[in-house]
Amino acid sequence: MTRGTGPADSKEAGLSSSTPSAPSGLAPEPGTGNTTPDASCAHEERIAYVRAQVAFHLITLRKEHGWSVYDAEERTGVSRSTLSRIERQLTDPTMSVLMRVCWAYGCSASSLLARAEQQTPIPIP
């Protein structure tokens, strides 16, 4: 059986006719946001560390307030399953969720993120 070259066949092969692919071996164009594989790996490692620090700080703030996840749900309007998943690093909070939670704890989302980033030992490449 031979494959055709129609749109359905390219989708099956994981190809997209609307997304141009860059030739391999070429450096990304400046300002495109593309990074080298090494930089990308370092960014992912840094993101994972910051995510862990955010979760740690949120757990610490909740415990400092003496709140259970149920209490935090009532005070933030964010479901306890979402709060739990954020604390266990199973999901990343949206900005609106992060702001609601931080404001309930009496801090800003920006200060929480700044603390988390400052404590990250992985330098920005």
Protein backbone atom coordinates (compact mmCIF):
# COMPACT_ATOMS: atom_id res chain seq x y z
CA MET A 1 0.00 0.00 0.00
CA THR A 2 1.40 3.38 -0.95
CA ARG A 3 0.78 6.58 0.90
CA GLY A 4 -0.73 9.56 -0.79
CA THR A 5 0.43 13.11 -0.44
CA GLY A 6 -2.86 14.71 0.56
CA PRO A 7 -3.54 16.70 3.74
CA ALA A 8 -4.90 13.67 5.60
CA ASP A 9 -1.73 11.71 4.89
CA SER A 10 0.53 14.48 6.16
CA LYS A 11 -1.50 14.71 9.38
CA GLU A 12 -1.15 10.96 9.90
CA ALA A 13 2.61 11.28 9.53
CA GLY A 14 2.65 14.10 12.08
CA LEU A 15 3.39 16.73 9.46
CA SER A 16 1.72 20.08 9.18
CA SER A 17 1.61 21.97 5.94
CA SER A 18 1.07 25.28 7.75
CA THR A 19 4.14 24.99 9.98
CA PRO A 20 7.42 25.53 8.17
CA SER A 21 10.26 23.44 9.43
CA ALA A 22 13.72 24.91 9.83
CA PRO A 23 16.56 23.10 8.09
CA SER A 24 18.57 21.07 10.56
CA GLY A 25 22.05 22.21 11.48
CA LEU A 26 21.29 25.92 11.16
CA ALA A 27 21.40 28.33 14.05
CA PRO A 28 18.10 29.96 15.03
CA GLU A 29 17.46 33.46 13.79
CA PRO A 30 18.13 36.17 16.38
CA GLY A 31 15.02 37.33 18.19
CA THR A 32 12.92 34.29 17.27
CA GLY A 33 12.90 32.92 20.79
CA ASN A 34 14.45 29.66 19.64
CA THR A 35 17.19 28.33 21.84
CA THR A 36 19.87 25.74 21.42
CA PRO A 37 19.23 22.29 22.88
CA ASP A 38 21.66 22.94 25.75
CA ALA A 39 19.97 26.21 26.70
CA SER A 40 16.56 24.61 26.39
CA CYS A 41 17.59 21.80 28.73
CA ALA A 42 18.95 24.31 31.25
CA HIS A 43 15.74 26.32 31.03
CA GLU A 44 13.63 23.21 31.66
CA GLU A 45 15.79 22.31 34.65
CA ARG A 46 15.46 25.84 36.04
CA ILE A 47 11.69 25.84 35.47
CA ALA A 48 11.37 22.54 37.35
CA TYR A 49 13.35 23.97 40.26
CA VAL A 50 11.30 27.18 40.37
CA ARG A 51 8.10 25.08 40.22
CA ALA A 52 9.34 23.10 43.23
CA GLN A 53 10.17 26.31 45.10
CA VAL A 54 6.73 27.80 44.36
CA ALA A 55 5.06 24.64 45.68
CA PHE A 56 7.27 24.68 48.78
CA HIS A 57 6.48 28.35 49.50
CA LEU A 58 2.73 27.80 49.00
CA ILE A 59 2.76 24.85 51.42
CA THR A 60 4.79 26.90 53.91
CA LEU A 61 2.40 29.86 53.68
CA ARG A 62 -0.64 27.62 54.13
CA LYS A 63 0.90 25.96 57.20
CA GLU A 64 2.02 29.32 58.66
CA HIS A 65 -1.62 30.42 58.49
CA GLY A 66 -2.66 27.15 60.15
CA TRP A 67 -4.92 26.32 57.22
CA SER A 68 -5.83 22.95 55.85
CA VAL A 69 -6.35 22.58 52.12
CA TYR A 70 -10.09 22.81 52.92
CA ASP A 71 -9.53 26.17 54.66
CA ALA A 72 -7.45 27.43 51.73
CA GLU A 73 -10.20 26.39 49.33
CA GLU A 74 -12.76 28.46 51.25
CA ARG A 75 -10.52 31.52 51.46
CA THR A 76 -9.18 31.46 47.90
CA GLY A 77 -12.09 30.17 45.85
CA VAL A 78 -9.69 27.66 44.28
CA SER A 79 -10.72 24.01 44.57
CA ARG A 80 -8.78 21.92 47.03
CA SER A 81 -7.95 19.42 44.30
CA THR A 82 -6.30 22.20 42.29
CA LEU A 83 -4.49 23.50 45.37
CA SER A 84 -3.28 20.01 46.18
CA ARG A 85 -2.12 19.38 42.61
CA ILE A 86 -0.17 22.67 42.63
CA GLU A 87 1.45 21.84 45.97
CA ARG A 88 2.41 18.38 44.69
CA GLN A 89 3.80 19.91 41.47
CA LEU A 90 1.38 17.99 39.29
CA THR A 91 0.13 21.17 37.63
CA ASP A 92 1.20 24.76 37.23
CA PRO A 93 -1.15 27.45 38.51
CA THR A 94 -2.58 29.96 36.10
CA MET A 95 -1.81 33.57 36.91
CA SER A 96 -5.32 34.16 38.25
CA VAL A 97 -5.12 31.11 40.52
CA LEU A 98 -1.65 32.06 41.75
CA MET A 99 -2.81 35.61 42.50
CA ARG A 100 -5.91 34.42 44.39
CA VAL A 101 -3.86 32.05 46.51
CA CYS A 102 -1.09 34.54 47.21
CA TRP A 103 -3.52 37.33 48.06
CA ALA A 104 -5.30 35.05 50.51
CA TYR A 105 -1.94 34.47 52.20
CA GLY A 106 -1.23 38.21 52.24
CA CYS A 107 1.54 38.32 49.66
CA SER A 108 1.82 39.08 45.96
CA ALA A 109 2.36 36.54 43.21
CA SER A 110 5.35 38.57 42.02
CA SER A 111 7.06 38.40 45.42
CA LEU A 112 6.46 34.64 45.64
CA LEU A 113 7.90 34.08 42.15
CA ALA A 114 10.84 36.38 42.88
CA ARG A 115 11.68 34.40 46.03
CA ALA A 116 11.39 31.14 44.13
CA GLU A 117 13.65 32.37 41.32
CA GLN A 118 16.23 33.85 43.68
CA GLN A 119 16.57 30.51 45.46
CA THR A 120 17.21 28.64 42.22
CA PRO A 121 20.87 27.58 42.05
CA ILE A 122 20.72 27.00 38.28
CA PRO A 123 22.03 30.05 36.40
CA ILE A 124 20.26 31.41 33.36
CA PRO A 125 22.27 30.33 30.30
